[in-house]
Amino acid sequence: MFLDRLPRPLRLALYAAATAFLLWLCLSPVDELPEITLWDKVEHAIAWFVLTAAGLLLSHRRPRAIAAFAIGLGAAVEILQATMGFGRDGDWRDLLADTIGVAVALAVYSVLQRLRRR
């Protein structure tokens, strides 16, 4: 895979940039964000699917660690949203949607890995 050929520091930098962008979206004041029309929980699931998929593409050797990081990040975001203000509210249902996005990314990854081995 193309991304596997990139130097490890560059792969980590790409993942860090994706993570930073997601944190910006989740922790910025509500009035500074672009308008997104999808239902909130679907947005969460998609965002964490993309974050997890990016992690798996950049470092496919530790899928459980990548999933644990993504879920932990989702929990941290919800705690921060509940305590920071900025018109944000922490919501356990958002964390559930994040976890579903992670699980779907892991499932897709698992299927693709099995197909690749054939």
N, C-alpha and C. Protein backbone atom coordinates (compact mmCIF):
# COMPACT_ATOMS: atom_id res chain seq x y z
N MET A 1 0.84 -1.18 0.00
CA MET A 1 0.00 0.00 0.00
C MET A 1 0.89 1.24 0.00
N PHE A 2 0.46 2.28 -0.69
CA PHE A 2 1.26 3.50 -0.84
C PHE A 2 1.64 4.11 0.51
N LEU A 3 0.70 4.22 1.42
CA LEU A 3 0.99 4.88 2.70
C LEU A 3 2.01 4.11 3.53
N ASP A 4 2.07 2.80 3.37
CA ASP A 4 3.06 2.00 4.09
C ASP A 4 4.48 2.37 3.68
N ARG A 5 4.64 2.90 2.49
CA ARG A 5 5.97 3.24 1.98
C ARG A 5 6.46 4.60 2.48
N LEU A 6 5.56 5.40 3.01
CA LEU A 6 5.98 6.70 3.55
C LEU A 6 6.80 6.49 4.81
N PRO A 7 7.76 7.37 5.07
CA PRO A 7 8.53 7.25 6.31
C PRO A 7 7.61 7.37 7.53
N ARG A 8 7.93 6.62 8.56
CA ARG A 8 7.09 6.59 9.76
C ARG A 8 6.82 7.99 10.33
N PRO A 9 7.81 8.88 10.43
CA PRO A 9 7.52 10.21 10.96
C PRO A 9 6.47 10.97 10.13
N LEU A 10 6.50 10.78 8.82
CA LEU A 10 5.52 11.45 7.97
C LEU A 10 4.13 10.85 8.19
N ARG A 11 4.05 9.53 8.31
CA ARG A 11 2.76 8.89 8.59
C ARG A 11 2.19 9.38 9.91
N LEU A 12 3.04 9.47 10.93
CA LEU A 12 2.58 9.96 12.23
C LEU A 12 2.14 11.42 12.15
N ALA A 13 2.85 12.21 11.37
CA ALA A 13 2.49 13.62 11.21
C ALA A 13 1.12 13.76 10.52
N LEU A 14 0.87 12.92 9.52
CA LEU A 14 -0.43 12.95 8.85
C LEU A 14 -1.56 12.58 9.80
N TYR A 15 -1.34 11.56 10.61
CA TYR A 15 -2.36 11.15 11.57
C TYR A 15 -2.55 12.22 12.64
N ALA A 16 -1.47 12.82 13.09
CA ALA A 16 -1.56 13.90 14.08
C ALA A 16 -2.33 15.09 13.51
N ALA A 17 -2.12 15.39 12.24
CA ALA A 17 -2.84 16.49 11.61
C ALA A 17 -4.34 16.18 11.52
N ALA A 18 -4.68 14.95 11.16
CA ALA A 18 -6.09 14.55 11.11
C ALA A 18 -6.72 14.62 12.49
N THR A 19 -5.98 14.18 13.50
CA THR A 19 -6.48 14.23 14.87
C THR A 19 -6.67 15.67 15.33
N ALA A 20 -5.71 16.53 15.02
CA ALA A 20 -5.81 17.94 15.40
C ALA A 20 -7.01 18.61 14.73
N PHE A 21 -7.24 18.29 13.46
CA PHE A 21 -8.38 18.85 12.75
C PHE A 21 -9.68 18.41 13.40
N LEU A 22 -9.78 17.14 13.75
CA LEU A 22 -10.98 16.63 14.41
C LEU A 22 -11.18 17.31 15.77
N LEU A 23 -10.11 17.48 16.52
CA LEU A 23 -10.21 18.17 17.81
C LEU A 23 -10.67 19.61 17.62
N TRP A 24 -10.17 20.27 16.59
CA TRP A 24 -10.62 21.64 16.31
C TRP A 24 -12.12 21.66 16.04
N LEU A 25 -12.60 20.71 15.23
CA LEU A 25 -14.03 20.66 14.94
C LEU A 25 -14.85 20.42 16.20
N CYS A 26 -14.36 19.57 17.08
CA CYS A 26 -15.12 19.17 18.26
C CYS A 26 -15.05 20.17 19.41
N LEU A 27 -13.98 20.94 19.49
CA LEU A 27 -13.77 21.80 20.66
C LEU A 27 -13.87 23.29 20.37
N SER A 28 -14.04 23.67 19.11
CA SER A 28 -14.19 25.09 18.79
C SER A 28 -15.56 25.58 19.24
N PRO A 29 -15.65 26.88 19.53
CA PRO A 29 -16.97 27.43 19.82
C PRO A 29 -17.93 27.15 18.67
N VAL A 30 -19.17 26.88 19.00
CA VAL A 30 -20.15 26.48 18.00
C VAL A 30 -20.29 27.51 16.89
N ASP A 31 -20.23 28.79 17.21
CA ASP A 31 -20.43 29.82 16.18
C ASP A 31 -19.26 29.96 15.21
N GLU A 32 -18.13 29.32 15.47
CA GLU A 32 -16.97 29.40 14.57
C GLU A 32 -16.88 28.23 13.60
N LEU A 33 -17.79 27.28 13.71
CA LEU A 33 -17.71 26.07 12.89
C LEU A 33 -18.48 26.22 11.59
N PRO A 34 -18.03 25.52 10.54
CA PRO A 34 -18.83 25.50 9.31
C PRO A 34 -20.13 24.74 9.55
N GLU A 35 -21.16 25.11 8.84
CA GLU A 35 -22.46 24.45 8.97
C GLU A 35 -22.39 23.07 8.32
N ILE A 36 -22.73 22.05 9.06
CA ILE A 36 -22.77 20.69 8.54
C ILE A 36 -24.21 20.21 8.70
N THR A 37 -24.79 19.67 7.65
CA THR A 37 -26.22 19.41 7.66
C THR A 37 -26.61 18.01 8.12
N LEU A 38 -25.66 17.11 8.26
CA LEU A 38 -26.02 15.76 8.69
C LEU A 38 -26.45 15.74 10.14
N TRP A 39 -27.18 14.73 10.48
CA TRP A 39 -27.61 14.53 11.85
C TRP A 39 -26.37 14.38 12.73
N ASP A 40 -26.40 14.94 13.93
CA ASP A 40 -25.23 15.02 14.80
C ASP A 40 -24.57 13.66 15.06
N LYS A 41 -25.35 12.65 15.37
CA LYS A 41 -24.76 11.35 15.71
C LYS A 41 -24.11 10.71 14.48
N VAL A 42 -24.71 10.90 13.33
CA VAL A 42 -24.12 10.39 12.09
C VAL A 42 -22.79 11.10 11.82
N GLU A 43 -22.76 12.40 12.08
CA GLU A 43 -21.51 13.16 11.92
C GLU A 43 -20.41 12.58 12.81
N HIS A 44 -20.77 12.28 14.06
CA HIS A 44 -19.79 11.70 14.98
C HIS A 44 -19.29 10.35 14.47
N ALA A 45 -20.21 9.49 14.06
CA ALA A 45 -19.82 8.16 13.58
C ALA A 45 -18.90 8.28 12.36
N ILE A 46 -19.25 9.16 11.45
CA ILE A 46 -18.41 9.34 10.25
C ILE A 46 -17.04 9.87 10.62
N ALA A 47 -17.00 10.87 11.49
CA ALA A 47 -15.71 11.46 11.88
C ALA A 47 -14.79 10.43 12.53
N TRP A 48 -15.34 9.62 13.44
CA TRP A 48 -14.49 8.63 14.12
C TRP A 48 -14.19 7.44 13.21
N PHE A 49 -15.06 7.14 12.26
CA PHE A 49 -14.73 6.14 11.24
C PHE A 49 -13.52 6.61 10.45
N VAL A 50 -13.55 7.86 9.99
CA VAL A 50 -12.45 8.40 9.19
C VAL A 50 -11.16 8.44 10.01
N LEU A 51 -11.25 8.89 11.27
CA LEU A 51 -10.05 8.94 12.12
C LEU A 51 -9.45 7.55 12.30
N THR A 52 -10.30 6.57 12.58
CA THR A 52 -9.81 5.20 12.78
C THR A 52 -9.27 4.62 11.48
N ALA A 53 -9.99 4.82 10.39
CA ALA A 53 -9.52 4.32 9.09
C ALA A 53 -8.18 4.94 8.72
N ALA A 54 -8.03 6.23 8.98
CA ALA A 54 -6.75 6.89 8.70
C ALA A 54 -5.64 6.27 9.53
N GLY A 55 -5.91 6.02 10.79
CA GLY A 55 -4.91 5.38 11.64
C GLY A 55 -4.55 3.99 11.15
N LEU A 56 -5.55 3.24 10.71
CA LEU A 56 -5.30 1.89 10.22
C LEU A 56 -4.54 1.90 8.90
N LEU A 57 -4.80 2.88 8.06
CA LEU A 57 -4.06 2.99 6.81
C LEU A 57 -2.61 3.38 7.04
N LEU A 58 -2.40 4.19 8.06
CA LEU A 58 -1.05 4.69 8.32
C LEU A 58 -0.21 3.73 9.15
N SER A 59 -0.85 2.91 9.95
CA SER A 59 -0.13 1.95 10.78
C SER A 59 -1.04 0.76 11.04
N HIS A 60 -1.03 -0.19 10.15
CA HIS A 60 -1.97 -1.30 10.22
C HIS A 60 -1.56 -2.40 11.20
N ARG A 61 -0.46 -2.25 11.88
CA ARG A 61 0.03 -3.32 12.76
C ARG A 61 -0.64 -3.35 14.13
N ARG A 62 -1.30 -2.28 14.52
CA ARG A 62 -1.88 -2.20 15.86
C ARG A 62 -3.34 -1.73 15.81
N PRO A 63 -4.22 -2.50 15.23
CA PRO A 63 -5.60 -2.04 15.10
C PRO A 63 -6.29 -1.81 16.45
N ARG A 64 -6.02 -2.64 17.44
CA ARG A 64 -6.65 -2.45 18.75
C ARG A 64 -6.17 -1.18 19.43
N ALA A 65 -4.90 -0.88 19.31
CA ALA A 65 -4.36 0.35 19.92
C ALA A 65 -4.95 1.58 19.23
N ILE A 66 -5.09 1.52 17.92
CA ILE A 66 -5.66 2.64 17.18
C ILE A 66 -7.12 2.83 17.59
N ALA A 67 -7.86 1.73 17.71
CA ALA A 67 -9.26 1.81 18.13
C ALA A 67 -9.37 2.35 19.56
N ALA A 68 -8.53 1.86 20.45
CA ALA A 68 -8.56 2.34 21.84
C ALA A 68 -8.24 3.83 21.91
N PHE A 69 -7.26 4.27 21.13
CA PHE A 69 -6.94 5.70 21.10
C PHE A 69 -8.14 6.51 20.63
N ALA A 70 -8.78 6.07 19.55
CA ALA A 70 -9.91 6.81 19.00
C ALA A 70 -11.06 6.89 20.00
N ILE A 71 -11.37 5.78 20.66
CA ILE A 71 -12.46 5.79 21.64
C ILE A 71 -12.08 6.66 22.85
N GLY A 72 -10.84 6.55 23.29
CA GLY A 72 -10.37 7.41 24.39
C GLY A 72 -10.44 8.88 24.02
N LEU A 73 -10.08 9.19 22.79
CA LEU A 73 -10.16 10.57 22.32
C LEU A 73 -11.62 11.04 22.32
N GLY A 74 -12.52 10.17 21.89
CA GLY A 74 -13.94 10.53 21.90
C GLY A 74 -14.43 10.81 23.31
N ALA A 75 -14.01 9.99 24.27
CA ALA A 75 -14.40 10.21 25.67
C ALA A 75 -13.82 11.53 26.18
N ALA A 76 -12.56 11.79 25.86
CA ALA A 76 -11.93 13.04 26.30
C ALA A 76 -12.65 14.25 25.70
N VAL A 77 -13.02 14.16 24.44
CA VAL A 77 -13.74 15.26 23.78
C VAL A 77 -15.06 15.53 24.50
N GLU A 78 -15.79 14.48 24.82
CA GLU A 78 -17.08 14.68 25.49
C GLU A 78 -16.90 15.29 26.88
N ILE A 79 -15.88 14.88 27.60
CA ILE A 79 -15.61 15.47 28.91
C ILE A 79 -15.24 16.94 28.75
N LEU A 80 -14.38 17.23 27.79
CA LEU A 80 -13.99 18.63 27.55
C LEU A 80 -15.18 19.48 27.11
N GLN A 81 -16.02 18.94 26.25
CA GLN A 81 -17.19 19.69 25.81
C GLN A 81 -18.12 19.99 26.98
N ALA A 82 -18.21 19.06 27.91
CA ALA A 82 -19.09 19.25 29.07
C ALA A 82 -18.54 20.30 30.03
N THR A 83 -17.24 20.50 30.04
CA THR A 83 -16.63 21.38 31.03
C THR A 83 -16.12 22.71 30.49
N MET A 84 -15.92 22.83 29.19
CA MET A 84 -15.29 24.03 28.62
C MET A 84 -16.25 25.17 28.33
N GLY A 85 -17.49 24.88 28.10
CA GLY A 85 -18.40 25.93 27.67
C GLY A 85 -18.40 26.04 26.16
N PHE A 86 -18.28 27.25 25.63
CA PHE A 86 -18.27 27.52 24.19
C PHE A 86 -19.55 27.05 23.50
N GLY A 87 -20.63 26.91 24.24
CA GLY A 87 -21.88 26.45 23.64
C GLY A 87 -21.89 24.97 23.33
N ARG A 88 -20.98 24.23 23.93
CA ARG A 88 -20.87 22.78 23.70
C ARG A 88 -21.42 22.03 24.90
N ASP A 89 -21.92 20.84 24.65
CA ASP A 89 -22.40 19.96 25.71
C ASP A 89 -21.83 18.58 25.48
N GLY A 90 -21.30 17.97 26.53
CA GLY A 90 -20.86 16.59 26.43
C GLY A 90 -22.08 15.68 26.40
N ASP A 91 -22.00 14.61 25.66
CA ASP A 91 -23.15 13.72 25.51
C ASP A 91 -22.65 12.29 25.34
N TRP A 92 -23.10 11.40 26.20
CA TRP A 92 -22.67 10.00 26.11
C TRP A 92 -23.12 9.37 24.79
N ARG A 93 -24.21 9.88 24.22
CA ARG A 93 -24.67 9.35 22.93
C ARG A 93 -23.70 9.70 21.80
N ASP A 94 -23.02 10.84 21.93
CA ASP A 94 -21.98 11.17 20.96
C ASP A 94 -20.83 10.17 21.06
N LEU A 95 -20.46 9.82 22.29
CA LEU A 95 -19.40 8.82 22.49
C LEU A 95 -19.83 7.47 21.93
N LEU A 96 -21.09 7.12 22.10
CA LEU A 96 -21.59 5.87 21.52
C LEU A 96 -21.49 5.92 19.99
N ALA A 97 -21.85 7.05 19.40
CA ALA A 97 -21.74 7.19 17.94
C ALA A 97 -20.28 7.12 17.50
N ASP A 98 -19.38 7.74 18.29
CA ASP A 98 -17.94 7.64 17.99
C ASP A 98 -17.50 6.18 17.99
N THR A 99 -17.93 5.45 19.01
CA THR A 99 -17.55 4.04 19.15
C THR A 99 -18.09 3.21 18.00
N ILE A 100 -19.30 3.51 17.56
CA ILE A 100 -19.86 2.81 16.40
C ILE A 100 -19.02 3.08 15.15
N GLY A 101 -18.60 4.32 14.97
CA GLY A 101 -17.73 4.66 13.83
C GLY A 101 -16.43 3.89 13.88
N VAL A 102 -15.84 3.77 15.09
CA VAL A 102 -14.61 3.00 15.26
C VAL A 102 -14.86 1.53 14.93
N ALA A 103 -15.96 0.98 15.44
CA ALA A 103 -16.27 -0.44 15.20
C ALA A 103 -16.47 -0.73 13.72
N VAL A 104 -17.15 0.16 13.02
CA VAL A 104 -17.36 -0.03 11.58
C VAL A 104 -16.03 0.02 10.84
N ALA A 105 -15.16 0.96 11.22
CA ALA A 105 -13.84 1.04 10.59
C ALA A 105 -13.05 -0.25 10.82
N LEU A 106 -13.11 -0.78 12.04
CA LEU A 106 -12.41 -2.04 12.33
C LEU A 106 -12.99 -3.19 11.53
N ALA A 107 -14.31 -3.22 11.39
CA ALA A 107 -14.95 -4.29 10.62
C ALA A 107 -14.54 -4.22 9.15
N VAL A 108 -14.57 -3.04 8.57
CA VAL A 108 -14.15 -2.87 7.18
C VAL A 108 -12.69 -3.26 7.02
N TYR A 109 -11.86 -2.82 7.94
CA TYR A 109 -10.43 -3.16 7.92
C TYR A 109 -10.23 -4.67 7.98
N SER A 110 -10.97 -5.33 8.86
CA SER A 110 -10.85 -6.79 9.00
C SER A 110 -11.23 -7.51 7.71
N VAL A 111 -12.32 -7.09 7.10
CA VAL A 111 -12.75 -7.70 5.83
C VAL A 111 -11.69 -7.46 4.75
N LEU A 112 -11.19 -6.24 4.66
CA LEU A 112 -10.17 -5.95 3.64
C LEU A 112 -8.89 -6.74 3.87
N GLN A 113 -8.51 -6.92 5.12
CA GLN A 113 -7.32 -7.72 5.42
C GLN A 113 -7.51 -9.17 4.99
N ARG A 114 -8.69 -9.71 5.24
CA ARG A 114 -8.96 -11.10 4.83
C ARG A 114 -8.95 -11.24 3.32
N LEU A 115 -9.54 -10.28 2.62
CA LEU A 115 -9.54 -10.33 1.16
C LEU A 115 -8.13 -10.18 0.60
N ARG A 116 -7.33 -9.38 1.25
CA ARG A 116 -5.95 -9.15 0.81
C ARG A 116 -5.10 -10.41 0.93
N ARG A 117 -5.38 -11.23 1.92
CA ARG A 117 -4.60 -12.46 2.15
C ARG A 117 -4.92 -13.55 1.14
N ARG A 118 -6.03 -13.44 0.46
CA ARG A 118 -6.43 -14.48 -0.50
C ARG A 118 -5.58 -14.48 -1.72
